[in-house]
Amino acid sequence: MVNSGLIGSSEKFQAVLDDVQIVAPAECAVLVQGETGTGKEVIARAIHDSGPRHSGPFIGLNCAAIPGALLESELFGHERGAFTGAVTQTIGHFQAAHGGTLFLDEIGDLPLELQPKLLRVLQEQQYERLGSSRTLRADVRVIAATNQDLSQMVEEKTFRADLYYRLSVFPIRLPSLRERKDDIPSLVKHFVQKYSRQMGKSIDEVPDRVMEVLRSHYWPGNIRELQNFVERSVIMTHGNVLSPRISELKMFMQEPALAPTQTLSDAERAHIIGILKETNWVVGGRDGAAARLGLPRTTLISRMQKLGISCKPRVFVASVDRGASTSGPYTPQLLAS
């Protein structure tokens, strides 16, 4: 049976759970695709927990969070003296996941030069640590995840076709929260209960008007953004009725209407800029835009770069007879596409 901790009864989410139940015992490679914050790692864990390797380790690695020069060592490990600073032998994630599952998140950010080495492990179940000629066996199930269109990257020759086909033996697409709005009430109640327990509070009611706003919100950060919003709401609530700061959401209660020449990327750009304005262009930190969107800071920065959003300081220069120049707040600059 699929992990009962997975919350959702909508048709699209139930289809995902059916796929998880089908593929879990197969031990083949799985490619989980979906927008940031849709729960790709949660689905990967459900596949692991429901499969024959459930008693083995589940090891995760975010390929986008590790500099390319260090990623090979993170994957395969290294010997002492393999490179400057390698003072001891270090095992990699493949060895740490031996007998279990290795979850490779943001696989689309894997450097092109490392892709043949990952392909070899998938095909031959063999690899070597950096600085070693000893071949090690990889008894690992690989589940990869991405929010990028790998098929498009294959066409653009930024991702190897053979690796793409090897990873996507069984692809699973996760719907965005916008596509499963019927699941929002269940998710909200789950997060309210979770954070109420953690904070020693007793919150047992979510007003209908609040739930209506939550169901209408665009949620570009998906479940992670909803989870962070509910956590903040629980922090601010003093009684037994959830009291969120609805002003954070009121600008984006409905999915942005697209003009004939506008794309979903345009809508996402507008939403992110709106959140940045609310946080005075602060990206990181507990009250920054990344936290409000339910995204890691590095992911939001990467998304801003792809959408052509750059936060740069605006300098106000006073006239000569009025004194020295002063620096003002950050303001966004749209980068040339």
C-alpha atoms as a PDB file:
ATOM      1  CA  MET A   1       0.000   0.000   0.000  1.00  0.00           C
ATOM      2  CA  VAL A   2       1.106   3.571  -0.695  1.00  0.00           C
ATOM      3  CA  ASN A   3       2.178   5.672   2.290  1.00  0.00           C
ATOM      4  CA  SER A   4      -0.982   6.927   3.984  1.00  0.00           C
ATOM      5  CA  GLY A   5       0.789  10.200   4.808  1.00  0.00           C
ATOM      6  CA  LEU A   6       0.214  11.322   1.221  1.00  0.00           C
ATOM      7  CA  ILE A   7      -2.725  13.689   1.364  1.00  0.00           C
ATOM      8  CA  GLY A   8      -5.164  14.189  -1.476  1.00  0.00           C
ATOM      9  CA  SER A   9      -8.289  12.663  -2.989  1.00  0.00           C
ATOM     10  CA  SER A  10      -8.467  14.604  -6.261  1.00  0.00           C
ATOM     11  CA  GLU A  11      -8.552  12.580  -9.460  1.00  0.00           C
ATOM     12  CA  LYS A  12      -5.139  13.778 -10.670  1.00  0.00           C
ATOM     13  CA  PHE A  13      -3.420  13.068  -7.367  1.00  0.00           C
ATOM     14  CA  GLN A  14      -5.032   9.649  -7.083  1.00  0.00           C
ATOM     15  CA  ALA A  15      -3.621   8.860 -10.535  1.00  0.00           C
ATOM     16  CA  VAL A  16      -0.152   9.676  -9.158  1.00  0.00           C
ATOM     17  CA  LEU A  17      -0.717   7.348  -6.189  1.00  0.00           C
ATOM     18  CA  ASP A  18      -1.784   4.595  -8.596  1.00  0.00           C
ATOM     19  CA  ASP A  19       1.498   5.059 -10.499  1.00  0.00           C
ATOM     20  CA  VAL A  20       3.462   4.896  -7.245  1.00  0.00           C
ATOM     21  CA  GLN A  21       1.802   1.620  -6.315  1.00  0.00           C
ATOM     22  CA  ILE A  22       2.501   0.169  -9.760  1.00  0.00           C
ATOM     23  CA  VAL A  23       6.181   1.130  -9.974  1.00  0.00           C
ATOM     24  CA  ALA A  24       7.279   0.698  -6.342  1.00  0.00           C
ATOM     25  CA  PRO A  25       7.956  -3.064  -6.544  1.00  0.00           C
ATOM     26  CA  ALA A  26       9.593  -2.863  -9.979  1.00  0.00           C
ATOM     27  CA  GLU A  27      12.925  -1.330  -8.824  1.00  0.00           C
ATOM     28  CA  CYS A  28      13.384   0.410 -12.186  1.00  0.00           C
ATOM     29  CA  ALA A  29      14.534   4.011 -12.520  1.00  0.00           C
ATOM     30  CA  VAL A  30      11.800   6.607 -12.027  1.00  0.00           C
ATOM     31  CA  LEU A  31      11.689  10.200 -13.236  1.00  0.00           C
ATOM     32  CA  VAL A  32       9.395  12.430 -11.163  1.00  0.00           C
ATOM     33  CA  GLN A  33       8.494  15.635 -12.995  1.00  0.00           C
ATOM     34  CA  GLY A  34       6.628  18.645 -11.703  1.00  0.00           C
ATOM     35  CA  GLU A  35       6.845  22.275 -10.681  1.00  0.00           C
ATOM     36  CA  THR A  36       8.904  23.331  -7.685  1.00  0.00           C
ATOM     37  CA  GLY A  37       7.130  22.587  -4.433  1.00  0.00           C
ATOM     38  CA  THR A  38       4.766  19.877  -5.733  1.00  0.00           C
ATOM     39  CA  GLY A  39       6.232  17.200  -3.445  1.00  0.00           C
ATOM     40  CA  LYS A  40       8.617  15.301  -5.707  1.00  0.00           C
ATOM     41  CA  GLU A  41      10.771  14.085  -2.819  1.00  0.00           C
ATOM     42  CA  VAL A  42       7.666  12.987  -0.895  1.00  0.00           C
ATOM     43  CA  ILE A  43       6.627  10.836  -3.866  1.00  0.00           C
ATOM     44  CA  ALA A  44      10.163   9.442  -4.182  1.00  0.00           C
ATOM     45  CA  ARG A  45      10.074   8.443  -0.499  1.00  0.00           C
ATOM     46  CA  ALA A  46       6.674   6.818  -1.002  1.00  0.00           C
ATOM     47  CA  ILE A  47       8.106   4.719  -3.854  1.00  0.00           C
ATOM     48  CA  HIS A  48      11.057   3.731  -1.648  1.00  0.00           C
ATOM     49  CA  ASP A  49       8.882   2.935   1.387  1.00  0.00           C
ATOM     50  CA  SER A  50       6.475   0.841  -0.680  1.00  0.00           C
ATOM     51  CA  GLY A  51       9.185  -1.123  -2.487  1.00  0.00           C
ATOM     52  CA  PRO A  52      11.495  -4.029  -1.663  1.00  0.00           C
ATOM     53  CA  ARG A  53      14.268  -1.664  -0.539  1.00  0.00           C
ATOM     54  CA  HIS A  54      12.184  -0.028   2.188  1.00  0.00           C
ATOM     55  CA  SER A  55      14.510  -1.303   4.926  1.00  0.00           C
ATOM     56  CA  GLY A  56      17.553   0.216   3.191  1.00  0.00           C
ATOM     57  CA  PRO A  57      18.678   3.857   3.235  1.00  0.00           C
ATOM     58  CA  PHE A  58      16.967   6.667   1.347  1.00  0.00           C
ATOM     59  CA  ILE A  59      19.663   9.196   0.390  1.00  0.00           C
ATOM     60  CA  GLY A  60      18.879  12.486  -1.320  1.00  0.00           C
ATOM     61  CA  LEU A  61      21.120  14.837  -3.283  1.00  0.00           C
ATOM     62  CA  ASN A  62      20.114  18.173  -4.814  1.00  0.00           C
ATOM     63  CA  CYS A  63      22.193  18.449  -7.984  1.00  0.00           C
ATOM     64  CA  ALA A  64      21.536  22.193  -8.214  1.00  0.00           C
ATOM     65  CA  ALA A  65      22.845  22.893  -4.708  1.00  0.00           C
ATOM     66  CA  ILE A  66      26.367  21.484  -5.254  1.00  0.00           C
ATOM     67  CA  PRO A  67      28.974  23.276  -7.392  1.00  0.00           C
ATOM     68  CA  GLY A  68      29.748  21.310 -10.535  1.00  0.00           C
ATOM     69  CA  ALA A  69      33.392  20.846  -9.544  1.00  0.00           C
ATOM     70  CA  LEU A  70      32.345  19.064  -6.331  1.00  0.00           C
ATOM     71  CA  LEU A  71      29.342  17.126  -7.582  1.00  0.00           C
ATOM     72  CA  GLU A  72      31.342  14.151  -8.893  1.00  0.00           C
ATOM     73  CA  SER A  73      32.893  13.686  -5.460  1.00  0.00           C
ATOM     74  CA  GLU A  74      29.468  13.973  -3.823  1.00  0.00           C
ATOM     75  CA  LEU A  75      28.124  11.254  -6.096  1.00  0.00           C
ATOM     76  CA  PHE A  76      31.025   8.810  -6.141  1.00  0.00           C
ATOM     77  CA  GLY A  77      33.300   9.809  -3.252  1.00  0.00           C
ATOM     78  CA  HIS A  78      37.047  10.430  -3.399  1.00  0.00           C
ATOM     79  CA  GLU A  79      40.356   9.099  -2.134  1.00  0.00           C
ATOM     80  CA  ARG A  80      42.743  11.013   0.058  1.00  0.00           C
ATOM     81  CA  GLY A  81      44.843  13.338  -2.112  1.00  0.00           C
ATOM     82  CA  ALA A  82      42.497  13.086  -5.107  1.00  0.00           C
ATOM     83  CA  PHE A  83      42.409  16.900  -5.259  1.00  0.00           C
ATOM     84  CA  THR A  84      43.481  19.877  -3.193  1.00  0.00           C
ATOM     85  CA  GLY A  85      41.769  19.704   0.168  1.00  0.00           C
ATOM     86  CA  ALA A  86      40.994  15.975  -0.004  1.00  0.00           C
ATOM     87  CA  VAL A  87      42.676  15.077   3.282  1.00  0.00           C
ATOM     88  CA  THR A  88      40.675  11.903   3.940  1.00  0.00           C
ATOM     89  CA  GLN A  89      38.862   9.217   2.000  1.00  0.00           C
ATOM     90  CA  THR A  90      35.184  10.125   1.603  1.00  0.00           C
ATOM     91  CA  ILE A  91      32.320   7.910   0.494  1.00  0.00           C
ATOM     92  CA  GLY A  92      29.842   9.287  -2.003  1.00  0.00           C
ATOM     93  CA  HIS A  93      26.072   9.196  -2.133  1.00  0.00           C
ATOM     94  CA  PHE A  94      26.032   6.032  -4.242  1.00  0.00           C
ATOM     95  CA  GLN A  95      27.926   4.146  -1.562  1.00  0.00           C
ATOM     96  CA  ALA A  96      25.833   5.692   1.217  1.00  0.00           C
ATOM     97  CA  ALA A  97      22.671   4.535  -0.586  1.00  0.00           C
ATOM     98  CA  HIS A  98      23.947   0.970  -1.105  1.00  0.00           C
ATOM     99  CA  GLY A  99      21.033  -1.431  -0.718  1.00  0.00           C
ATOM    100  CA  GLY A 100      18.527   1.419  -0.825  1.00  0.00           C
ATOM    101  CA  THR A 101      17.433   4.358  -2.951  1.00  0.00           C
ATOM    102  CA  LEU A 102      19.324   7.397  -4.221  1.00  0.00           C
ATOM    103  CA  PHE A 103      17.092  10.395  -4.925  1.00  0.00           C
ATOM    104  CA  LEU A 104      18.673  12.847  -7.381  1.00  0.00           C
ATOM    105  CA  ASP A 105      16.724  16.089  -7.220  1.00  0.00           C
ATOM    106  CA  GLU A 106      17.068  18.804  -9.883  1.00  0.00           C
ATOM    107  CA  ILE A 107      18.647  16.267 -12.239  1.00  0.00           C
ATOM    108  CA  GLY A 108      18.372  18.782 -15.085  1.00  0.00           C
ATOM    109  CA  ASP A 109      21.195  20.752 -13.444  1.00  0.00           C
ATOM    110  CA  LEU A 110      23.622  17.824 -13.639  1.00  0.00           C
ATOM    111  CA  PRO A 111      26.653  19.089 -15.621  1.00  0.00           C
ATOM    112  CA  LEU A 112      26.915  17.664 -19.124  1.00  0.00           C
ATOM    113  CA  GLU A 113      30.401  16.286 -18.431  1.00  0.00           C
ATOM    114  CA  LEU A 114      29.106  14.201 -15.495  1.00  0.00           C
ATOM    115  CA  GLN A 115      26.169  12.714 -17.357  1.00  0.00           C
ATOM    116  CA  PRO A 116      28.146   9.855 -19.019  1.00  0.00           C
ATOM    117  CA  LYS A 117      29.429   8.756 -15.598  1.00  0.00           C
ATOM    118  CA  LEU A 118      25.915   8.637 -14.162  1.00  0.00           C
ATOM    119  CA  LEU A 119      24.759   6.755 -17.254  1.00  0.00           C
ATOM    120  CA  ARG A 120      27.487   4.164 -16.693  1.00  0.00           C
ATOM    121  CA  VAL A 121      26.328   3.558 -13.124  1.00  0.00           C
ATOM    122  CA  LEU A 122      22.746   3.113 -14.276  1.00  0.00           C
ATOM    123  CA  GLN A 123      23.719   0.703 -17.038  1.00  0.00           C
ATOM    124  CA  GLU A 124      26.549  -1.266 -15.452  1.00  0.00           C
ATOM    125  CA  GLN A 125      26.025  -0.684 -11.702  1.00  0.00           C
ATOM    126  CA  GLN A 126      29.718   0.208 -11.406  1.00  0.00           C
ATOM    127  CA  TYR A 127      31.751   3.314 -10.540  1.00  0.00           C
ATOM    128  CA  GLU A 128      35.081   4.463  -9.108  1.00  0.00           C
ATOM    129  CA  ARG A 129      35.865   7.020  -6.449  1.00  0.00           C
ATOM    130  CA  LEU A 130      37.816  10.050  -7.596  1.00  0.00           C
ATOM    131  CA  GLY A 131      41.527   9.220  -7.410  1.00  0.00           C
ATOM    132  CA  SER A 132      40.955   5.457  -7.320  1.00  0.00           C
ATOM    133  CA  SER A 133      41.159   2.709  -9.927  1.00  0.00           C
ATOM    134  CA  ARG A 134      39.163   0.265  -7.807  1.00  0.00           C
ATOM    135  CA  THR A 135      35.729  -0.447  -9.258  1.00  0.00           C
ATOM    136  CA  LEU A 136      32.837  -0.463  -6.791  1.00  0.00           C
ATOM    137  CA  ARG A 137      29.412  -2.008  -7.270  1.00  0.00           C
ATOM    138  CA  ALA A 138      26.334   0.184  -7.004  1.00  0.00           C
ATOM    139  CA  ASP A 139      23.385  -1.718  -5.573  1.00  0.00           C
ATOM    140  CA  VAL A 140      21.110   1.317  -5.698  1.00  0.00           C
ATOM    141  CA  ARG A 141      17.728   2.244  -7.081  1.00  0.00           C
ATOM    142  CA  VAL A 142      17.800   5.714  -8.645  1.00  0.00           C
ATOM    143  CA  ILE A 143      14.817   8.058  -8.569  1.00  0.00           C
ATOM    144  CA  ALA A 144      15.417  11.388 -10.278  1.00  0.00           C
ATOM    145  CA  ALA A 145      13.304  14.540 -10.193  1.00  0.00           C
ATOM    146  CA  THR A 146      13.183  17.782 -12.110  1.00  0.00           C
ATOM    147  CA  ASN A 147      11.045  20.851 -12.702  1.00  0.00           C
ATOM    148  CA  GLN A 148      12.597  21.287 -16.138  1.00  0.00           C
ATOM    149  CA  ASP A 149      11.518  19.900 -19.509  1.00  0.00           C
ATOM    150  CA  LEU A 150      14.246  17.309 -20.077  1.00  0.00           C
ATOM    151  CA  SER A 151      12.918  16.375 -23.517  1.00  0.00           C
ATOM    152  CA  GLN A 152      13.374  19.994 -24.584  1.00  0.00           C
ATOM    153  CA  MET A 153      16.860  19.990 -23.053  1.00  0.00           C
ATOM    154  CA  VAL A 154      17.660  16.881 -25.103  1.00  0.00           C
ATOM    155  CA  GLU A 155      16.642  18.740 -28.258  1.00  0.00           C
ATOM    156  CA  GLU A 156      18.832  21.672 -27.188  1.00  0.00           C
ATOM    157  CA  LYS A 157      21.697  19.212 -26.510  1.00  0.00           C
ATOM    158  CA  THR A 158      22.071  20.338 -22.896  1.00  0.00           C
ATOM    159  CA  PHE A 159      21.018  16.914 -21.603  1.00  0.00           C
ATOM    160  CA  ARG A 160      22.068  13.549 -23.026  1.00  0.00           C
ATOM    161  CA  ALA A 161      19.312  11.632 -24.780  1.00  0.00           C
ATOM    162  CA  ASP A 162      20.612   8.230 -23.616  1.00  0.00           C
ATOM    163  CA  LEU A 163      20.642   9.349 -19.973  1.00  0.00           C
ATOM    164  CA  TYR A 164      17.165  10.844 -20.308  1.00  0.00           C
ATOM    165  CA  TYR A 165      15.735   7.571 -21.621  1.00  0.00           C
ATOM    166  CA  ARG A 166      17.579   5.577 -18.948  1.00  0.00           C
ATOM    167  CA  LEU A 167      16.214   7.765 -16.158  1.00  0.00           C
ATOM    168  CA  SER A 168      12.669   7.908 -17.479  1.00  0.00           C
ATOM    169  CA  VAL A 169      11.912   4.199 -17.620  1.00  0.00           C
ATOM    170  CA  PHE A 170       8.804   5.092 -15.613  1.00  0.00           C
ATOM    171  CA  PRO A 171       7.957   8.827 -15.668  1.00  0.00           C
ATOM    172  CA  ILE A 172       5.540  10.299 -13.137  1.00  0.00           C
ATOM    173  CA  ARG A 173       4.152  13.813 -13.568  1.00  0.00           C
ATOM    174  CA  LEU A 174       3.002  15.602 -10.435  1.00  0.00           C
ATOM    175  CA  PRO A 175       0.122  18.048 -10.887  1.00  0.00           C
ATOM    176  CA  SER A 176       0.535  21.582  -9.613  1.00  0.00           C
ATOM    177  CA  LEU A 177      -1.574  22.671  -6.651  1.00  0.00           C
ATOM    178  CA  ARG A 178      -3.639  24.740  -9.114  1.00  0.00           C
ATOM    179  CA  GLU A 179      -4.612  21.469 -10.806  1.00  0.00           C
ATOM    180  CA  ARG A 180      -5.759  19.825  -7.562  1.00  0.00           C
ATOM    181  CA  LYS A 181      -7.525  22.627  -5.687  1.00  0.00           C
ATOM    182  CA  ASP A 182      -9.991  20.155  -4.187  1.00  0.00           C
ATOM    183  CA  ASP A 183      -7.086  18.873  -2.052  1.00  0.00           C
ATOM    184  CA  ILE A 184      -6.338  22.283  -0.514  1.00  0.00           C
ATOM    185  CA  PRO A 185      -8.777  21.980   2.446  1.00  0.00           C
ATOM    186  CA  SER A 186      -7.298  18.613   3.455  1.00  0.00           C
ATOM    187  CA  LEU A 187      -3.754  19.929   3.138  1.00  0.00           C
ATOM    188  CA  VAL A 188      -4.555  23.064   5.142  1.00  0.00           C
ATOM    189  CA  LYS A 189      -6.134  21.067   7.966  1.00  0.00           C
ATOM    190  CA  HIS A 190      -3.160  18.693   8.022  1.00  0.00           C
ATOM    191  CA  PHE A 191      -0.636  21.542   8.272  1.00  0.00           C
ATOM    192  CA  VAL A 192      -2.714  23.379  10.896  1.00  0.00           C
ATOM    193  CA  GLN A 193      -2.772  20.250  13.068  1.00  0.00           C
ATOM    194  CA  LYS A 194       0.937  19.610  12.530  1.00  0.00           C
ATOM    195  CA  TYR A 195       2.132  23.092  13.489  1.00  0.00           C
ATOM    196  CA  SER A 196      -0.424  23.508  16.274  1.00  0.00           C
ATOM    197  CA  ARG A 197       1.007  20.414  17.951  1.00  0.00           C
ATOM    198  CA  GLN A 198       4.559  21.625  17.461  1.00  0.00           C
ATOM    199  CA  MET A 199       3.784  25.025  18.981  1.00  0.00           C
ATOM    200  CA  GLY A 200       1.556  23.761  21.799  1.00  0.00           C
ATOM    201  CA  LYS A 201      -1.541  25.482  20.431  1.00  0.00           C
ATOM    202  CA  SER A 202      -5.119  24.312  20.009  1.00  0.00           C
ATOM    203  CA  ILE A 203      -6.405  25.543  16.645  1.00  0.00           C
ATOM    204  CA  ASP A 204      -9.448  23.614  15.496  1.00  0.00           C
ATOM    205  CA  GLU A 205     -11.178  25.958  13.050  1.00  0.00           C
ATOM    206  CA  VAL A 206     -10.327  27.472   9.681  1.00  0.00           C
ATOM    207  CA  PRO A 207     -12.917  30.138   8.697  1.00  0.00           C
ATOM    208  CA  ASP A 208     -14.762  29.508   5.434  1.00  0.00           C
ATOM    209  CA  ARG A 209     -13.678  32.887   4.030  1.00  0.00           C
ATOM    210  CA  VAL A 210     -10.034  31.990   4.708  1.00  0.00           C
ATOM    211  CA  MET A 211     -10.394  28.617   3.020  1.00  0.00           C
ATOM    212  CA  GLU A 212     -12.043  30.300   0.042  1.00  0.00           C
ATOM    213  CA  VAL A 213      -9.069  32.619  -0.367  1.00  0.00           C
ATOM    214  CA  LEU A 214      -6.624  29.727  -0.038  1.00  0.00           C
ATOM    215  CA  ARG A 215      -8.500  27.758  -2.697  1.00  0.00           C
ATOM    216  CA  SER A 216      -8.442  30.781  -5.036  1.00  0.00           C
ATOM    217  CA  HIS A 217      -4.764  31.613  -4.668  1.00  0.00           C
ATOM    218  CA  TYR A 218      -2.418  30.903  -7.596  1.00  0.00           C
ATOM    219  CA  TRP A 219       0.249  29.088  -5.451  1.00  0.00           C
ATOM    220  CA  PRO A 220       3.271  29.250  -7.789  1.00  0.00           C
ATOM    221  CA  GLY A 221       5.292  27.637  -4.972  1.00  0.00           C
ATOM    222  CA  ASN A 222       2.672  24.864  -4.746  1.00  0.00           C
ATOM    223  CA  ILE A 223       2.386  22.725  -1.594  1.00  0.00           C
ATOM    224  CA  ARG A 224       5.591  24.089  -0.091  1.00  0.00           C
ATOM    225  CA  GLU A 225       4.294  27.660  -0.361  1.00  0.00           C
ATOM    226  CA  LEU A 226       0.954  26.618   1.177  1.00  0.00           C
ATOM    227  CA  GLN A 227       2.761  24.809   4.003  1.00  0.00           C
ATOM    228  CA  ASN A 228       4.912  27.840   4.819  1.00  0.00           C
ATOM    229  CA  PHE A 229       1.878  30.125   4.734  1.00  0.00           C
ATOM    230  CA  VAL A 230      -0.032  27.902   7.154  1.00  0.00           C
ATOM    231  CA  GLU A 231       2.972  27.706   9.495  1.00  0.00           C
ATOM    232  CA  ARG A 232       3.178  31.519   9.609  1.00  0.00           C
ATOM    233  CA  SER A 233      -0.568  31.667  10.181  1.00  0.00           C
ATOM    234  CA  VAL A 234      -0.346  29.288  13.145  1.00  0.00           C
ATOM    235  CA  ILE A 235       2.458  31.402  14.622  1.00  0.00           C
ATOM    236  CA  MET A 236       0.251  34.527  14.415  1.00  0.00           C
ATOM    237  CA  THR A 237      -2.892  32.852  15.779  1.00  0.00           C
ATOM    238  CA  HIS A 238      -3.650  33.350  19.498  1.00  0.00           C
ATOM    239  CA  GLY A 239      -7.058  31.659  19.806  1.00  0.00           C
ATOM    240  CA  ASN A 240      -8.519  28.463  18.405  1.00  0.00           C
ATOM    241  CA  VAL A 241      -9.494  29.991  15.029  1.00  0.00           C
ATOM    242  CA  LEU A 242      -6.773  30.241  12.383  1.00  0.00           C
ATOM    243  CA  SER A 243      -5.985  33.927  11.793  1.00  0.00           C
ATOM    244  CA  PRO A 244      -3.723  34.265   8.741  1.00  0.00           C
ATOM    245  CA  ARG A 245      -2.459  37.462   7.194  1.00  0.00           C
ATOM    246  CA  ILE A 246      -4.711  37.369   4.152  1.00  0.00           C
ATOM    247  CA  SER A 247      -3.142  40.572   2.802  1.00  0.00           C
ATOM    248  CA  GLU A 248      -0.203  38.429   1.667  1.00  0.00           C
ATOM    249  CA  LEU A 249      -2.488  36.641  -0.771  1.00  0.00           C
ATOM    250  CA  LYS A 250      -5.172  39.122  -1.759  1.00  0.00           C
ATOM    251  CA  MET A 251      -3.213  40.446  -4.757  1.00  0.00           C
ATOM    252  CA  PHE A 252      -3.142  36.958  -6.261  1.00  0.00           C
ATOM    253  CA  MET A 253      -6.473  35.352  -5.291  1.00  0.00           C
ATOM    254  CA  GLN A 254      -7.128  34.180  -8.833  1.00  0.00           C
ATOM    255  CA  GLU A 255      -4.806  32.615 -11.349  1.00  0.00           C
ATOM    256  CA  PRO A 256      -3.404  35.489 -13.404  1.00  0.00           C
ATOM    257  CA  ALA A 257      -5.408  36.111 -16.527  1.00  0.00           C
ATOM    258  CA  LEU A 258      -3.170  35.843 -19.558  1.00  0.00           C
ATOM    259  CA  ALA A 259      -3.278  38.383 -22.332  1.00  0.00           C
ATOM    260  CA  PRO A 260      -3.207  36.932 -25.885  1.00  0.00           C
ATOM    261  CA  THR A 261       0.565  37.424 -26.056  1.00  0.00           C
ATOM    262  CA  GLN A 262       1.262  36.533 -22.408  1.00  0.00           C
ATOM    263  CA  THR A 263       2.636  33.192 -21.218  1.00  0.00           C
ATOM    264  CA  LEU A 264       2.562  31.323 -17.921  1.00  0.00           C
ATOM    265  CA  SER A 265       6.153  32.515 -17.428  1.00  0.00           C
ATOM    266  CA  ASP A 266       4.881  36.098 -17.660  1.00  0.00           C
ATOM    267  CA  ALA A 267       2.289  35.336 -14.995  1.00  0.00           C
ATOM    268  CA  GLU A 268       4.882  33.698 -12.767  1.00  0.00           C
ATOM    269  CA  ARG A 269       7.205  36.679 -13.225  1.00  0.00           C
ATOM    270  CA  ALA A 270       4.437  39.063 -12.180  1.00  0.00           C
ATOM    271  CA  HIS A 271       3.636  36.991  -9.126  1.00  0.00           C
ATOM    272  CA  ILE A 272       7.254  36.795  -7.956  1.00  0.00           C
ATOM    273  CA  ILE A 273       7.714  40.539  -8.441  1.00  0.00           C
ATOM    274  CA  GLY A 274       4.554  41.111  -6.389  1.00  0.00           C
ATOM    275  CA  ILE A 275       5.926  39.006  -3.518  1.00  0.00           C
ATOM    276  CA  LEU A 276       9.286  40.784  -3.749  1.00  0.00           C
ATOM    277  CA  LYS A 277       7.517  44.134  -3.421  1.00  0.00           C
ATOM    278  CA  GLU A 278       5.745  42.909  -0.281  1.00  0.00           C
ATOM    279  CA  THR A 279       9.077  41.880   1.267  1.00  0.00           C
ATOM    280  CA  ASN A 280      10.830  45.094   0.185  1.00  0.00           C
ATOM    281  CA  TRP A 281      12.930  43.041  -2.251  1.00  0.00           C
ATOM    282  CA  VAL A 282      14.361  40.793   0.445  1.00  0.00           C
ATOM    283  CA  VAL A 283      14.890  37.335  -1.076  1.00  0.00           C
ATOM    284  CA  GLY A 284      16.230  35.251   1.825  1.00  0.00           C
ATOM    285  CA  GLY A 285      15.552  35.069   5.542  1.00  0.00           C
ATOM    286  CA  ARG A 286      12.495  34.030   7.531  1.00  0.00           C
ATOM    287  CA  ASP A 287      10.334  36.850   6.126  1.00  0.00           C
ATOM    288  CA  GLY A 288      11.893  36.992   2.669  1.00  0.00           C
ATOM    289  CA  ALA A 289      10.251  36.245  -0.663  1.00  0.00           C
ATOM    290  CA  ALA A 290      11.681  32.709  -0.841  1.00  0.00           C
ATOM    291  CA  ALA A 291      10.082  31.797   2.497  1.00  0.00           C
ATOM    292  CA  ARG A 292       6.723  33.230   1.450  1.00  0.00           C
ATOM    293  CA  LEU A 293       6.809  31.308  -1.808  1.00  0.00           C
ATOM    294  CA  GLY A 294       7.888  28.133  -0.022  1.00  0.00           C
ATOM    295  CA  LEU A 295      11.091  27.889  -2.072  1.00  0.00           C
ATOM    296  CA  PRO A 296      14.753  27.480  -1.141  1.00  0.00           C
ATOM    297  CA  ARG A 297      16.546  30.810  -1.570  1.00  0.00           C
ATOM    298  CA  THR A 298      18.834  29.352  -4.273  1.00  0.00           C
ATOM    299  CA  THR A 299      15.837  28.014  -6.191  1.00  0.00           C
ATOM    300  CA  LEU A 300      14.103  31.391  -6.165  1.00  0.00           C
ATOM    301  CA  ILE A 301      17.280  33.162  -7.286  1.00  0.00           C
ATOM    302  CA  SER A 302      17.664  30.654 -10.128  1.00  0.00           C
ATOM    303  CA  ARG A 303      14.003  31.131 -11.076  1.00  0.00           C
ATOM    304  CA  MET A 304      14.406  34.923 -11.039  1.00  0.00           C
ATOM    305  CA  GLN A 305      17.389  34.658 -13.351  1.00  0.00           C
ATOM    306  CA  LYS A 306      15.456  32.475 -15.794  1.00  0.00           C
ATOM    307  CA  LEU A 307      12.505  34.878 -15.701  1.00  0.00           C
ATOM    308  CA  GLY A 308      14.711  37.933 -16.184  1.00  0.00           C
ATOM    309  CA  ILE A 309      14.215  39.439 -12.718  1.00  0.00           C
ATOM    310  CA  SER A 310      17.178  41.057 -11.027  1.00  0.00           C
ATOM    311  CA  CYS A 311      17.171  42.929  -7.712  1.00  0.00           C
ATOM    312  CA  LYS A 312      19.661  45.761  -7.971  1.00  0.00           C
ATOM    313  CA  PRO A 313      20.171  48.765  -5.696  1.00  0.00           C
ATOM    314  CA  ARG A 314      18.703  52.009  -6.959  1.00  0.00           C
ATOM    315  CA  VAL A 315      20.922  54.984  -6.194  1.00  0.00           C
ATOM    316  CA  PHE A 316      19.395  58.399  -5.688  1.00  0.00           C
ATOM    317  CA  VAL A 317      21.895  61.116  -6.569  1.00  0.00           C
ATOM    318  CA  ALA A 318      21.239  64.523  -5.028  1.00  0.00           C
ATOM    319  CA  SER A 319      22.120  67.743  -6.791  1.00  0.00           C
ATOM    320  CA  VAL A 320      25.396  69.462  -5.896  1.00  0.00           C
ATOM    321  CA  ASP A 321      23.755  72.211  -3.827  1.00  0.00           C
ATOM    322  CA  ARG A 322      21.579  69.704  -1.883  1.00  0.00           C
ATOM    323  CA  GLY A 323      24.350  67.524  -0.516  1.00  0.00           C
ATOM    324  CA  ALA A 324      25.811  64.080  -1.037  1.00  0.00           C
ATOM    325  CA  SER A 325      24.156  61.184  -2.755  1.00  0.00           C
ATOM    326  CA  THR A 326      22.273  58.558  -0.809  1.00  0.00           C
ATOM    327  CA  SER A 327      21.366  54.972  -1.545  1.00  0.00           C
ATOM    328  CA  GLY A 328      17.735  53.941  -1.693  1.00  0.00           C
ATOM    329  CA  PRO A 329      16.008  50.572  -1.482  1.00  0.00           C
ATOM    330  CA  TYR A 330      16.300  47.724  -3.939  1.00  0.00           C
ATOM    331  CA  THR A 331      14.260  47.864  -7.091  1.00  0.00           C
ATOM    332  CA  PRO A 332      13.876  45.185  -9.784  1.00  0.00           C
ATOM    333  CA  GLN A 333      15.460  45.392 -13.194  1.00  0.00           C
ATOM    334  CA  LEU A 334      14.160  43.260 -16.056  1.00  0.00           C
ATOM    335  CA  LEU A 335      17.104  41.666 -17.792  1.00  0.00           C
ATOM    336  CA  ALA A 336      17.264  41.595 -21.535  1.00  0.00           C
ATOM    337  CA  SER A 337      15.987  38.257 -22.793  1.00  0.00           C
END
